Amino acid sequence: MALMFATTSFIPSQNQSLLSNKDKEDNFTKEAEISLLTTKIAQYPLKEIQISQSFSSFHPGVDLVAPYGDPVKPIRPGVVQEAGFSPLGYGNMVYVDHGDGITSLYGHLSCVLPL
């Protein structure tokens, strides 16, 4: 269950916008066709998501629970930088560089399959 609380001082009147201090009418382009395309930027690595440990300053990641042997997919396309057994506490792991400064590490895996 999620809860959102907003006071009326943060909610603009009907003729105002959340985008600026201008009137709502000023934020729209008139008589122009705009094409919007949305794409999936990332996906969950597991079929079902259950968090066992959340992100914190002492744990810079999120641990997910999965049945033994479940396949793990990368969050988005990328290049595998390292794969194998890590003695640093990750066990069997795969480290992926997705580009644009985004990387992901998949650790505590039951095994790492060769490509």
PDB file of N, CA and C in Angstrom:
ATOM      1  N   MET A   1       0.837  -1.154   0.000  1.00  0.00           N
ATOM      2  CA  MET A   1       0.000   0.000   0.000  1.00  0.00           C
ATOM      3  C   MET A   1       0.893   1.232   0.000  1.00  0.00           C
ATOM      4  N   ALA A   2       0.559   2.181  -0.840  1.00  0.00           N
ATOM      5  CA  ALA A   2       1.304   3.437  -0.898  1.00  0.00           C
ATOM      6  C   ALA A   2       0.400   4.568  -0.442  1.00  0.00           C
ATOM      7  N   LEU A   3       1.007   5.577   0.118  1.00  0.00           N
ATOM      8  CA  LEU A   3       0.244   6.710   0.613  1.00  0.00           C
ATOM      9  C   LEU A   3       0.879   7.978   0.082  1.00  0.00           C
ATOM     10  N   MET A   4       0.083   8.847  -0.469  1.00  0.00           N
ATOM     11  CA  MET A   4       0.576  10.137  -0.930  1.00  0.00           C
ATOM     12  C   MET A   4      -0.185  11.228  -0.202  1.00  0.00           C
ATOM     13  N   PHE A   5       0.539  12.199   0.293  1.00  0.00           N
ATOM     14  CA  PHE A   5      -0.091  13.285   1.019  1.00  0.00           C
ATOM     15  C   PHE A   5       0.319  14.596   0.358  1.00  0.00           C
ATOM     16  N   ALA A   6      -0.642  15.400  -0.014  1.00  0.00           N
ATOM     17  CA  ALA A   6      -0.354  16.702  -0.614  1.00  0.00           C
ATOM     18  C   ALA A   6      -1.267  17.732   0.026  1.00  0.00           C
ATOM     19  N   THR A   7      -0.699  18.878   0.292  1.00  0.00           N
ATOM     20  CA  THR A   7      -1.530  19.959   0.813  1.00  0.00           C
ATOM     21  C   THR A   7      -1.941  20.856  -0.339  1.00  0.00           C
ATOM     22  N   THR A   8      -2.987  21.599  -0.154  1.00  0.00           N
ATOM     23  CA  THR A   8      -3.496  22.437  -1.234  1.00  0.00           C
ATOM     24  C   THR A   8      -2.511  23.524  -1.642  1.00  0.00           C
ATOM     25  N   SER A   9      -1.553  23.858  -0.809  1.00  0.00           N
ATOM     26  CA  SER A   9      -0.594  24.892  -1.194  1.00  0.00           C
ATOM     27  C   SER A   9       0.340  24.413  -2.303  1.00  0.00           C
ATOM     28  N   PHE A  10       0.480  23.101  -2.508  1.00  0.00           N
ATOM     29  CA  PHE A  10       1.332  22.556  -3.555  1.00  0.00           C
ATOM     30  C   PHE A  10       0.553  22.218  -4.816  1.00  0.00           C
ATOM     31  N   ILE A  11      -0.745  22.265  -4.779  1.00  0.00           N
ATOM     32  CA  ILE A  11      -1.566  21.901  -5.923  1.00  0.00           C
ATOM     33  C   ILE A  11      -1.976  23.180  -6.643  1.00  0.00           C
ATOM     34  N   PRO A  12      -1.608  23.307  -7.954  1.00  0.00           N
ATOM     35  CA  PRO A  12      -1.951  24.540  -8.660  1.00  0.00           C
ATOM     36  C   PRO A  12      -3.443  24.622  -8.916  1.00  0.00           C
ATOM     37  N   SER A  13      -3.911  25.848  -9.129  1.00  0.00           N
ATOM     38  CA  SER A  13      -5.313  26.017  -9.493  1.00  0.00           C
ATOM     39  C   SER A  13      -5.515  25.497 -10.906  1.00  0.00           C
ATOM     40  N   GLN A  14      -6.738  25.410 -11.363  1.00  0.00           N
ATOM     41  CA  GLN A  14      -7.036  24.813 -12.656  1.00  0.00           C
ATOM     42  C   GLN A  14      -6.371  25.518 -13.820  1.00  0.00           C
ATOM     43  N   ASN A  15      -6.125  26.810 -13.741  1.00  0.00           N
ATOM     44  CA  ASN A  15      -5.518  27.499 -14.874  1.00  0.00           C
ATOM     45  C   ASN A  15      -3.999  27.614 -14.743  1.00  0.00           C
ATOM     46  N   GLN A  16      -3.392  27.014 -13.711  1.00  0.00           N
ATOM     47  CA  GLN A  16      -1.943  27.021 -13.544  1.00  0.00           C
ATOM     48  C   GLN A  16      -1.383  25.637 -13.837  1.00  0.00           C
ATOM     49  N   SER A  17      -0.079  25.567 -14.008  1.00  0.00           N
ATOM     50  CA  SER A  17       0.590  24.321 -14.368  1.00  0.00           C
ATOM     51  C   SER A  17       1.642  23.954 -13.327  1.00  0.00           C
ATOM     52  N   LEU A  18       1.948  22.675 -13.239  1.00  0.00           N
ATOM     53  CA  LEU A  18       3.052  22.216 -12.395  1.00  0.00           C
ATOM     54  C   LEU A  18       4.397  22.467 -13.072  1.00  0.00           C
ATOM     55  N   LEU A  19       4.371  22.796 -14.377  1.00  0.00           N
ATOM     56  CA  LEU A  19       5.602  22.964 -15.140  1.00  0.00           C
ATOM     57  C   LEU A  19       6.266  24.312 -14.944  1.00  0.00           C
ATOM     58  N   SER A  20       5.511  25.340 -14.669  1.00  0.00           N
ATOM     59  CA  SER A  20       6.102  26.665 -14.523  1.00  0.00           C
ATOM     60  C   SER A  20       5.154  27.572 -13.750  1.00  0.00           C
ATOM     61  N   ASN A  21       5.542  28.830 -13.638  1.00  0.00           N
ATOM     62  CA  ASN A  21       4.690  29.820 -12.986  1.00  0.00           C
ATOM     63  C   ASN A  21       3.680  30.419 -13.952  1.00  0.00           C
ATOM     64  N   LYS A  22       3.765  30.014 -15.222  1.00  0.00           N
ATOM     65  CA  LYS A  22       2.867  30.551 -16.234  1.00  0.00           C
ATOM     66  C   LYS A  22       1.498  29.896 -16.140  1.00  0.00           C
ATOM     67  N   ASP A  23       0.551  30.469 -16.846  1.00  0.00           N
ATOM     68  CA  ASP A  23      -0.758  29.853 -16.955  1.00  0.00           C
ATOM     69  C   ASP A  23      -0.653  28.561 -17.750  1.00  0.00           C
ATOM     70  N   LYS A  24      -1.552  27.638 -17.473  1.00  0.00           N
ATOM     71  CA  LYS A  24      -1.555  26.338 -18.124  1.00  0.00           C
ATOM     72  C   LYS A  24      -1.573  26.472 -19.656  1.00  0.00           C
ATOM     73  N   GLU A  25      -2.335  27.410 -20.182  1.00  0.00           N
ATOM     74  CA  GLU A  25      -2.469  27.587 -21.630  1.00  0.00           C
ATOM     75  C   GLU A  25      -1.127  27.901 -22.290  1.00  0.00           C
ATOM     76  N   ASP A  26      -0.209  28.572 -21.578  1.00  0.00           N
ATOM     77  CA  ASP A  26       1.079  28.957 -22.151  1.00  0.00           C
ATOM     78  C   ASP A  26       2.034  27.775 -22.319  1.00  0.00           C
ATOM     79  N   ASN A  27       1.767  26.621 -21.688  1.00  0.00           N
ATOM     80  CA  ASN A  27       2.669  25.478 -21.738  1.00  0.00           C
ATOM     81  C   ASN A  27       2.390  24.536 -22.910  1.00  0.00           C
ATOM     82  N   PHE A  28       1.389  24.801 -23.698  1.00  0.00           N
ATOM     83  CA  PHE A  28       1.028  23.912 -24.789  1.00  0.00           C
ATOM     84  C   PHE A  28       1.299  24.564 -26.136  1.00  0.00           C
ATOM     85  N   THR A  29       1.814  23.763 -27.067  1.00  0.00           N
ATOM     86  CA  THR A  29       2.005  24.227 -28.433  1.00  0.00           C
ATOM     87  C   THR A  29       0.682  24.067 -29.158  1.00  0.00           C
ATOM     88  N   LYS A  30       0.231  25.117 -29.773  1.00  0.00           N
ATOM     89  CA  LYS A  30      -1.055  25.068 -30.453  1.00  0.00           C
ATOM     90  C   LYS A  30      -0.852  24.707 -31.919  1.00  0.00           C
ATOM     91  N   GLU A  31      -1.765  23.905 -32.469  1.00  0.00           N
ATOM     92  CA  GLU A  31      -1.776  23.532 -33.869  1.00  0.00           C
ATOM     93  C   GLU A  31      -0.476  22.897 -34.330  1.00  0.00           C
ATOM     94  N   ALA A  32       0.130  22.041 -33.508  1.00  0.00           N
ATOM     95  CA  ALA A  32       1.331  21.325 -33.892  1.00  0.00           C
ATOM     96  C   ALA A  32       1.145  19.854 -33.544  1.00  0.00           C
ATOM     97  N   GLU A  33       1.571  19.003 -34.460  1.00  0.00           N
ATOM     98  CA  GLU A  33       1.457  17.571 -34.204  1.00  0.00           C
ATOM     99  C   GLU A  33       2.723  17.116 -33.498  1.00  0.00           C
ATOM    100  N   ILE A  34       2.548  16.435 -32.394  1.00  0.00           N
ATOM    101  CA  ILE A  34       3.680  15.936 -31.621  1.00  0.00           C
ATOM    102  C   ILE A  34       3.577  14.426 -31.557  1.00  0.00           C
ATOM    103  N   SER A  35       4.650  13.763 -31.933  1.00  0.00           N
ATOM    104  CA  SER A  35       4.685  12.307 -31.900  1.00  0.00           C
ATOM    105  C   SER A  35       5.514  11.876 -30.701  1.00  0.00           C
ATOM    106  N   LEU A  36       4.949  11.052 -29.866  1.00  0.00           N
ATOM    107  CA  LEU A  36       5.657  10.563 -28.679  1.00  0.00           C
ATOM    108  C   LEU A  36       5.907   9.075 -28.813  1.00  0.00           C
ATOM    109  N   LEU A  37       7.099   8.654 -28.482  1.00  0.00           N
ATOM    110  CA  LEU A  37       7.450   7.244 -28.517  1.00  0.00           C
ATOM    111  C   LEU A  37       8.059   6.891 -27.169  1.00  0.00           C
ATOM    112  N   THR A  38       7.498   5.906 -26.509  1.00  0.00           N
ATOM    113  CA  THR A  38       8.064   5.468 -25.246  1.00  0.00           C
ATOM    114  C   THR A  38       8.688   4.101 -25.447  1.00  0.00           C
ATOM    115  N   THR A  39       9.812   3.890 -24.832  1.00  0.00           N
ATOM    116  CA  THR A  39      10.479   2.600 -24.915  1.00  0.00           C
ATOM    117  C   THR A  39      10.818   2.134 -23.516  1.00  0.00           C
ATOM    118  N   LYS A  40      10.949   0.851 -23.386  1.00  0.00           N
ATOM    119  CA  LYS A  40      11.333   0.265 -22.107  1.00  0.00           C
ATOM    120  C   LYS A  40      12.835   0.480 -21.931  1.00  0.00           C
ATOM    121  N   ILE A  41      13.209   1.215 -20.904  1.00  0.00           N
ATOM    122  CA  ILE A  41      14.615   1.507 -20.673  1.00  0.00           C
ATOM    123  C   ILE A  41      15.300   0.359 -19.950  1.00  0.00           C
ATOM    124  N   ALA A  42      14.598  -0.269 -19.042  1.00  0.00           N
ATOM    125  CA  ALA A  42      15.181  -1.367 -18.276  1.00  0.00           C
ATOM    126  C   ALA A  42      14.093  -2.384 -17.958  1.00  0.00           C
ATOM    127  N   GLN A  43      14.525  -3.586 -17.648  1.00  0.00           N
ATOM    128  CA  GLN A  43      13.601  -4.645 -17.257  1.00  0.00           C
ATOM    129  C   GLN A  43      14.071  -5.243 -15.932  1.00  0.00           C
ATOM    130  N   TYR A  44      13.176  -5.908 -15.257  1.00  0.00           N
ATOM    131  CA  TYR A  44      13.569  -6.609 -14.042  1.00  0.00           C
ATOM    132  C   TYR A  44      14.406  -7.824 -14.419  1.00  0.00           C
ATOM    133  N   PRO A  45      15.412  -8.150 -13.621  1.00  0.00           N
ATOM    134  CA  PRO A  45      16.264  -9.293 -13.952  1.00  0.00           C
ATOM    135  C   PRO A  45      15.608 -10.650 -13.681  1.00  0.00           C
ATOM    136  N   LEU A  46      14.533 -10.665 -12.900  1.00  0.00           N
ATOM    137  CA  LEU A  46      13.865 -11.910 -12.545  1.00  0.00           C
ATOM    138  C   LEU A  46      12.402 -11.863 -12.940  1.00  0.00           C
ATOM    139  N   LYS A  47      11.813 -13.044 -13.109  1.00  0.00           N
ATOM    140  CA  LYS A  47      10.398 -13.134 -13.469  1.00  0.00           C
ATOM    141  C   LYS A  47       9.514 -12.550 -12.365  1.00  0.00           C
ATOM    142  N   GLU A  48       9.814 -12.878 -11.118  1.00  0.00           N
ATOM    143  CA  GLU A  48       9.090 -12.343  -9.964  1.00  0.00           C
ATOM    144  C   GLU A  48      10.087 -11.647  -9.048  1.00  0.00           C
ATOM    145  N   ILE A  49       9.690 -10.504  -8.515  1.00  0.00           N
ATOM    146  CA  ILE A  49      10.594  -9.699  -7.691  1.00  0.00           C
ATOM    147  C   ILE A  49      10.199  -9.769  -6.218  1.00  0.00           C
ATOM    148  N   GLN A  50      11.175 -10.171  -5.404  1.00  0.00           N
ATOM    149  CA  GLN A  50      11.022 -10.128  -3.951  1.00  0.00           C
ATOM    150  C   GLN A  50      12.347  -9.625  -3.395  1.00  0.00           C
ATOM    151  N   ILE A  51      12.325  -8.509  -2.698  1.00  0.00           N
ATOM    152  CA  ILE A  51      13.543  -7.894  -2.180  1.00  0.00           C
ATOM    153  C   ILE A  51      13.896  -8.501  -0.829  1.00  0.00           C
ATOM    154  N   SER A  52      15.161  -8.952  -0.701  1.00  0.00           N
ATOM    155  CA  SER A  52      15.612  -9.487   0.583  1.00  0.00           C
ATOM    156  C   SER A  52      16.466  -8.482   1.345  1.00  0.00           C
ATOM    157  N   GLN A  53      17.111  -7.561   0.623  1.00  0.00           N
ATOM    158  CA  GLN A  53      17.866  -6.504   1.281  1.00  0.00           C
ATOM    159  C   GLN A  53      17.840  -5.280   0.378  1.00  0.00           C
ATOM    160  N   SER A  54      17.497  -4.136   0.953  1.00  0.00           N
ATOM    161  CA  SER A  54      17.353  -2.898   0.200  1.00  0.00           C
ATOM    162  C   SER A  54      18.672  -2.150   0.089  1.00  0.00           C
ATOM    163  N   PHE A  55      18.667  -1.140  -0.737  1.00  0.00           N
ATOM    164  CA  PHE A  55      19.802  -0.243  -0.922  1.00  0.00           C
ATOM    165  C   PHE A  55      19.993   0.612   0.321  1.00  0.00           C
ATOM    166  N   SER A  56      21.231   0.818   0.724  1.00  0.00           N
ATOM    167  CA  SER A  56      21.558   1.731   1.829  1.00  0.00           C
ATOM    168  C   SER A  56      22.992   2.192   1.649  1.00  0.00           C
ATOM    169  N   SER A  57      23.460   3.087   2.513  1.00  0.00           N
ATOM    170  CA  SER A  57      24.843   3.555   2.397  1.00  0.00           C
ATOM    171  C   SER A  57      25.843   2.431   2.687  1.00  0.00           C
ATOM    172  N   PHE A  58      25.450   1.428   3.460  1.00  0.00           N
ATOM    173  CA  PHE A  58      26.327   0.295   3.760  1.00  0.00           C
ATOM    174  C   PHE A  58      26.128  -0.870   2.787  1.00  0.00           C
ATOM    175  N   HIS A  59      25.068  -0.828   1.990  1.00  0.00           N
ATOM    176  CA  HIS A  59      24.757  -1.902   1.044  1.00  0.00           C
ATOM    177  C   HIS A  59      24.328  -1.254  -0.268  1.00  0.00           C
ATOM    178  N   PRO A  60      25.305  -0.917  -1.136  1.00  0.00           N
ATOM    179  CA  PRO A  60      24.986  -0.161  -2.356  1.00  0.00           C
ATOM    180  C   PRO A  60      24.408  -1.033  -3.474  1.00  0.00           C
ATOM    181  N   GLY A  61      23.339  -1.710  -3.170  1.00  0.00           N
ATOM    182  CA  GLY A  61      22.663  -2.556  -4.156  1.00  0.00           C
ATOM    183  C   GLY A  61      21.362  -3.063  -3.572  1.00  0.00           C
ATOM    184  N   VAL A  62      20.648  -3.821  -4.376  1.00  0.00           N
ATOM    185  CA  VAL A  62      19.392  -4.419  -3.941  1.00  0.00           C
ATOM    186  C   VAL A  62      19.506  -5.924  -4.141  1.00  0.00           C
ATOM    187  N   ASP A  63      19.255  -6.705  -3.091  1.00  0.00           N
ATOM    188  CA  ASP A  63      19.287  -8.161  -3.192  1.00  0.00           C
ATOM    189  C   ASP A  63      17.877  -8.670  -3.455  1.00  0.00           C
ATOM    190  N   LEU A  64      17.756  -9.537  -4.449  1.00  0.00           N
ATOM    191  CA  LEU A  64      16.472 -10.120  -4.822  1.00  0.00           C
ATOM    192  C   LEU A  64      16.495 -11.617  -4.536  1.00  0.00           C
ATOM    193  N   VAL A  65      15.352 -12.155  -4.153  1.00  0.00           N
ATOM    194  CA  VAL A  65      15.212 -13.577  -3.861  1.00  0.00           C
ATOM    195  C   VAL A  65      14.673 -14.280  -5.092  1.00  0.00           C
ATOM    196  N   ALA A  66      15.241 -15.441  -5.399  1.00  0.00           N
ATOM    197  CA  ALA A  66      14.737 -16.262  -6.505  1.00  0.00           C
ATOM    198  C   ALA A  66      14.960 -17.724  -6.155  1.00  0.00           C
ATOM    199  N   PRO A  67      14.111 -18.614  -6.656  1.00  0.00           N
ATOM    200  CA  PRO A  67      14.350 -20.041  -6.444  1.00  0.00           C
ATOM    201  C   PRO A  67      15.677 -20.469  -7.068  1.00  0.00           C
ATOM    202  N   TYR A  68      16.310 -21.459  -6.489  1.00  0.00           N
ATOM    203  CA  TYR A  68      17.588 -21.966  -6.966  1.00  0.00           C
ATOM    204  C   TYR A  68      17.489 -22.339  -8.440  1.00  0.00           C
ATOM    205  N   GLY A  69      18.414 -21.814  -9.244  1.00  0.00           N
ATOM    206  CA  GLY A  69      18.463 -22.167 -10.656  1.00  0.00           C
ATOM    207  C   GLY A  69      17.619 -21.306 -11.574  1.00  0.00           C
ATOM    208  N   ASP A  70      16.835 -20.361 -11.037  1.00  0.00           N
ATOM    209  CA  ASP A  70      16.037 -19.488 -11.905  1.00  0.00           C
ATOM    210  C   ASP A  70      16.959 -18.668 -12.803  1.00  0.00           C
ATOM    211  N   PRO A  71      16.571 -18.468 -14.069  1.00  0.00           N
ATOM    212  CA  PRO A  71      17.405 -17.647 -14.951  1.00  0.00           C
ATOM    213  C   PRO A  71      17.358 -16.172 -14.543  1.00  0.00           C
ATOM    214  N   VAL A  72      18.484 -15.504 -14.719  1.00  0.00           N
ATOM    215  CA  VAL A  72      18.601 -14.079 -14.420  1.00  0.00           C
ATOM    216  C   VAL A  72      18.936 -13.376 -15.727  1.00  0.00           C
ATOM    217  N   LYS A  73      18.150 -12.337 -16.088  1.00  0.00           N
ATOM    218  CA  LYS A  73      18.381 -11.581 -17.311  1.00  0.00           C
ATOM    219  C   LYS A  73      18.984 -10.232 -16.958  1.00  0.00           C
ATOM    220  N   PRO A  74      19.788  -9.670 -17.852  1.00  0.00           N
ATOM    221  CA  PRO A  74      20.312  -8.322 -17.582  1.00  0.00           C
ATOM    222  C   PRO A  74      19.190  -7.294 -17.628  1.00  0.00           C
ATOM    223  N   ILE A  75      19.355  -6.199 -16.904  1.00  0.00           N
ATOM    224  CA  ILE A  75      18.322  -5.175 -16.849  1.00  0.00           C
ATOM    225  C   ILE A  75      18.143  -4.462 -18.180  1.00  0.00           C
ATOM    226  N   ARG A  76      19.197  -4.449 -19.006  1.00  0.00           N
ATOM    227  CA  ARG A  76      19.136  -3.882 -20.352  1.00  0.00           C
ATOM    228  C   ARG A  76      20.321  -4.401 -21.146  1.00  0.00           C
ATOM    229  N   PRO A  77      20.334  -4.242 -22.477  1.00  0.00           N
ATOM    230  CA  PRO A  77      21.464  -4.755 -23.261  1.00  0.00           C
ATOM    231  C   PRO A  77      22.785  -4.164 -22.790  1.00  0.00           C
ATOM    232  N   GLY A  78      23.843  -4.954 -22.918  1.00  0.00           N
ATOM    233  CA  GLY A  78      25.153  -4.491 -22.498  1.00  0.00           C
ATOM    234  C   GLY A  78      26.225  -5.490 -22.856  1.00  0.00           C
ATOM    235  N   VAL A  79      27.431  -5.224 -22.366  1.00  0.00           N
ATOM    236  CA  VAL A  79      28.592  -6.064 -22.626  1.00  0.00           C
ATOM    237  C   VAL A  79      29.077  -6.643 -21.299  1.00  0.00           C
ATOM    238  N   VAL A  80      29.231  -7.964 -21.258  1.00  0.00           N
ATOM    239  CA  VAL A  80      29.731  -8.617 -20.044  1.00  0.00           C
ATOM    240  C   VAL A  80      31.194  -8.240 -19.865  1.00  0.00           C
ATOM    241  N   GLN A  81      31.527  -7.654 -18.723  1.00  0.00           N
ATOM    242  CA  GLN A  81      32.890  -7.260 -18.405  1.00  0.00           C
ATOM    243  C   GLN A  81      33.635  -8.365 -17.664  1.00  0.00           C
ATOM    244  N   GLU A  82      32.928  -9.027 -16.751  1.00  0.00           N
ATOM    245  CA  GLU A  82      33.515 -10.135 -15.983  1.00  0.00           C
ATOM    246  C   GLU A  82      32.417 -11.135 -15.666  1.00  0.00           C
ATOM    247  N   ALA A  83      32.795 -12.394 -15.601  1.00  0.00           N
ATOM    248  CA  ALA A  83      31.859 -13.449 -15.202  1.00  0.00           C
ATOM    249  C   ALA A  83      32.659 -14.588 -14.594  1.00  0.00           C
ATOM    250  N   GLY A  84      32.149 -15.170 -13.519  1.00  0.00           N
ATOM    251  CA  GLY A  84      32.832 -16.272 -12.855  1.00  0.00           C
ATOM    252  C   GLY A  84      32.656 -16.183 -11.355  1.00  0.00           C
ATOM    253  N   PHE A  85      33.567 -16.825 -10.630  1.00  0.00           N
ATOM    254  CA  PHE A  85      33.494 -16.826  -9.174  1.00  0.00           C
ATOM    255  C   PHE A  85      34.273 -15.645  -8.623  1.00  0.00           C
ATOM    256  N   SER A  86      33.658 -14.880  -7.728  1.00  0.00           N
ATOM    257  CA  SER A  86      34.316 -13.746  -7.086  1.00  0.00           C
ATOM    258  C   SER A  86      34.563 -14.065  -5.618  1.00  0.00           C
ATOM    259  N   PRO A  87      35.813 -13.959  -5.156  1.00  0.00           N
ATOM    260  CA  PRO A  87      36.108 -14.189  -3.738  1.00  0.00           C
ATOM    261  C   PRO A  87      35.757 -12.983  -2.866  1.00  0.00           C
ATOM    262  N   LEU A  88      35.169 -11.929  -3.451  1.00  0.00           N
ATOM    263  CA  LEU A  88      34.851 -10.706  -2.708  1.00  0.00           C
ATOM    264  C   LEU A  88      33.473 -10.743  -2.055  1.00  0.00           C
ATOM    265  N   GLY A  89      32.850 -11.922  -1.991  1.00  0.00           N
ATOM    266  CA  GLY A  89      31.561 -12.036  -1.326  1.00  0.00           C
ATOM    267  C   GLY A  89      30.382 -12.176  -2.272  1.00  0.00           C
ATOM    268  N   TYR A  90      30.628 -12.078  -3.582  1.00  0.00           N
ATOM    269  CA  TYR A  90      29.534 -12.190  -4.542  1.00  0.00           C
ATOM    270  C   TYR A  90      29.311 -13.625  -5.012  1.00  0.00           C
ATOM    271  N   GLY A  91      30.287 -14.501  -4.775  1.00  0.00           N
ATOM    272  CA  GLY A  91      30.173 -15.876  -5.281  1.00  0.00           C
ATOM    273  C   GLY A  91      30.174 -15.860  -6.795  1.00  0.00           C
ATOM    274  N   ASN A  92      29.382 -16.730  -7.413  1.00  0.00           N
ATOM    275  CA  ASN A  92      29.264 -16.704  -8.871  1.00  0.00           C
ATOM    276  C   ASN A  92      28.583 -15.398  -9.264  1.00  0.00           C
ATOM    277  N   MET A  93      29.219 -14.662 -10.192  1.00  0.00           N
ATOM    278  CA  MET A  93      28.694 -13.342 -10.533  1.00  0.00           C
ATOM    279  C   MET A  93      28.914 -13.022 -11.999  1.00  0.00           C
ATOM    280  N   VAL A  94      28.118 -12.047 -12.482  1.00  0.00           N
ATOM    281  CA  VAL A  94      28.271 -11.495 -13.826  1.00  0.00           C
ATOM    282  C   VAL A  94      28.200  -9.972 -13.681  1.00  0.00           C
ATOM    283  N   TYR A  95      29.186  -9.285 -14.272  1.00  0.00           N
ATOM    284  CA  TYR A  95      29.243  -7.827 -14.237  1.00  0.00           C
ATOM    285  C   TYR A  95      29.040  -7.315 -15.657  1.00  0.00           C
ATOM    286  N   VAL A  96      28.023  -6.455 -15.871  1.00  0.00           N
ATOM    287  CA  VAL A  96      27.642  -5.998 -17.209  1.00  0.00           C
ATOM    288  C   VAL A  96      27.750  -4.474 -17.290  1.00  0.00           C
ATOM    289  N   ASP A  97      28.360  -3.997 -18.396  1.00  0.00           N
ATOM    290  CA  ASP A  97      28.407  -2.567 -18.697  1.00  0.00           C
ATOM    291  C   ASP A  97      27.333  -2.299 -19.741  1.00  0.00           C
ATOM    292  N   HIS A  98      26.348  -1.467 -19.389  1.00  0.00           N
ATOM    293  CA  HIS A  98      25.226  -1.172 -20.278  1.00  0.00           C
ATOM    294  C   HIS A  98      25.450   0.104 -21.086  1.00  0.00           C
ATOM    295  N   GLY A  99      26.572   0.769 -20.899  1.00  0.00           N
ATOM    296  CA  GLY A  99      26.832   2.031 -21.588  1.00  0.00           C
ATOM    297  C   GLY A  99      26.211   3.193 -20.837  1.00  0.00           C
ATOM    298  N   ASP A 100      26.553   4.382 -21.231  1.00  0.00           N
ATOM    299  CA  ASP A 100      26.030   5.608 -20.619  1.00  0.00           C
ATOM    300  C   ASP A 100      26.277   5.653 -19.113  1.00  0.00           C
ATOM    301  N   GLY A 101      27.363   5.022 -18.637  1.00  0.00           N
ATOM    302  CA  GLY A 101      27.694   5.034 -17.219  1.00  0.00           C
ATOM    303  C   GLY A 101      26.870   4.092 -16.359  1.00  0.00           C
ATOM    304  N   ILE A 102      26.078   3.217 -16.981  1.00  0.00           N
ATOM    305  CA  ILE A 102      25.221   2.289 -16.238  1.00  0.00           C
ATOM    306  C   ILE A 102      25.843   0.900 -16.257  1.00  0.00           C
ATOM    307  N   THR A 103      26.044   0.340 -15.063  1.00  0.00           N
ATOM    308  CA  THR A 103      26.554  -1.029 -14.935  1.00  0.00           C
ATOM    309  C   THR A 103      25.657  -1.794 -13.981  1.00  0.00           C
ATOM    310  N   SER A 104      25.708  -3.110 -14.076  1.00  0.00           N
ATOM    311  CA  SER A 104      24.961  -3.936 -13.125  1.00  0.00           C
ATOM    312  C   SER A 104      25.787  -5.162 -12.777  1.00  0.00           C
ATOM    313  N   LEU A 105      25.623  -5.625 -11.558  1.00  0.00           N
ATOM    314  CA  LEU A 105      26.322  -6.807 -11.074  1.00  0.00           C
ATOM    315  C   LEU A 105      25.281  -7.795 -10.572  1.00  0.00           C
ATOM    316  N   TYR A 106      25.385  -9.018 -11.020  1.00  0.00           N
ATOM    317  CA  TYR A 106      24.471 -10.089 -10.613  1.00  0.00           C
ATOM    318  C   TYR A 106      25.312 -11.089  -9.840  1.00  0.00           C
ATOM    319  N   GLY A 107      25.062 -11.173  -8.539  1.00  0.00           N
ATOM    320  CA  GLY A 107      25.876 -12.022  -7.683  1.00  0.00           C
ATOM    321  C   GLY A 107      25.064 -13.097  -6.990  1.00  0.00           C
ATOM    322  N   HIS A 108      25.770 -13.965  -6.276  1.00  0.00           N
ATOM    323  CA  HIS A 108      25.170 -15.064  -5.518  1.00  0.00           C
ATOM    324  C   HIS A 108      24.403 -16.013  -6.452  1.00  0.00           C
ATOM    325  N   LEU A 109      24.891 -16.170  -7.687  1.00  0.00           N
ATOM    326  CA  LEU A 109      24.224 -17.024  -8.663  1.00  0.00           C
ATOM    327  C   LEU A 109      24.574 -18.491  -8.407  1.00  0.00           C
ATOM    328  N   SER A 110      23.644 -19.397  -8.710  1.00  0.00           N
ATOM    329  CA  SER A 110      23.930 -20.828  -8.514  1.00  0.00           C
ATOM    330  C   SER A 110      25.000 -21.288  -9.499  1.00  0.00           C
ATOM    331  N   CYS A 111      25.047 -20.693 -10.705  1.00  0.00           N
ATOM    332  CA  CYS A 111      26.095 -20.988 -11.677  1.00  0.00           C
ATOM    333  C   CYS A 111      26.107 -19.884 -12.717  1.00  0.00           C
ATOM    334  N   VAL A 112      27.171 -19.823 -13.487  1.00  0.00           N
ATOM    335  CA  VAL A 112      27.297 -18.904 -14.619  1.00  0.00           C
ATOM    336  C   VAL A 112      27.471 -19.769 -15.851  1.00  0.00           C
ATOM    337  N   LEU A 113      26.541 -19.649 -16.794  1.00  0.00           N
ATOM    338  CA  LEU A 113      26.606 -20.452 -18.012  1.00  0.00           C
ATOM    339  C   LEU A 113      27.444 -19.750 -19.070  1.00  0.00           C
ATOM    340  N   PRO A 114      28.262 -20.521 -19.822  1.00  0.00           N
ATOM    341  CA  PRO A 114      29.031 -19.895 -20.909  1.00  0.00           C
ATOM    342  C   PRO A 114      28.100 -19.494 -22.047  1.00  0.00           C
ATOM    343  N   LEU A 115      28.491 -18.463 -22.788  1.00  0.00           N
ATOM    344  CA  LEU A 115      27.692 -18.013 -23.930  1.00  0.00           C
ATOM    345  C   LEU A 115      27.911 -18.898 -25.131  1.00  0.00           C
TER     346      LEU A 115
END
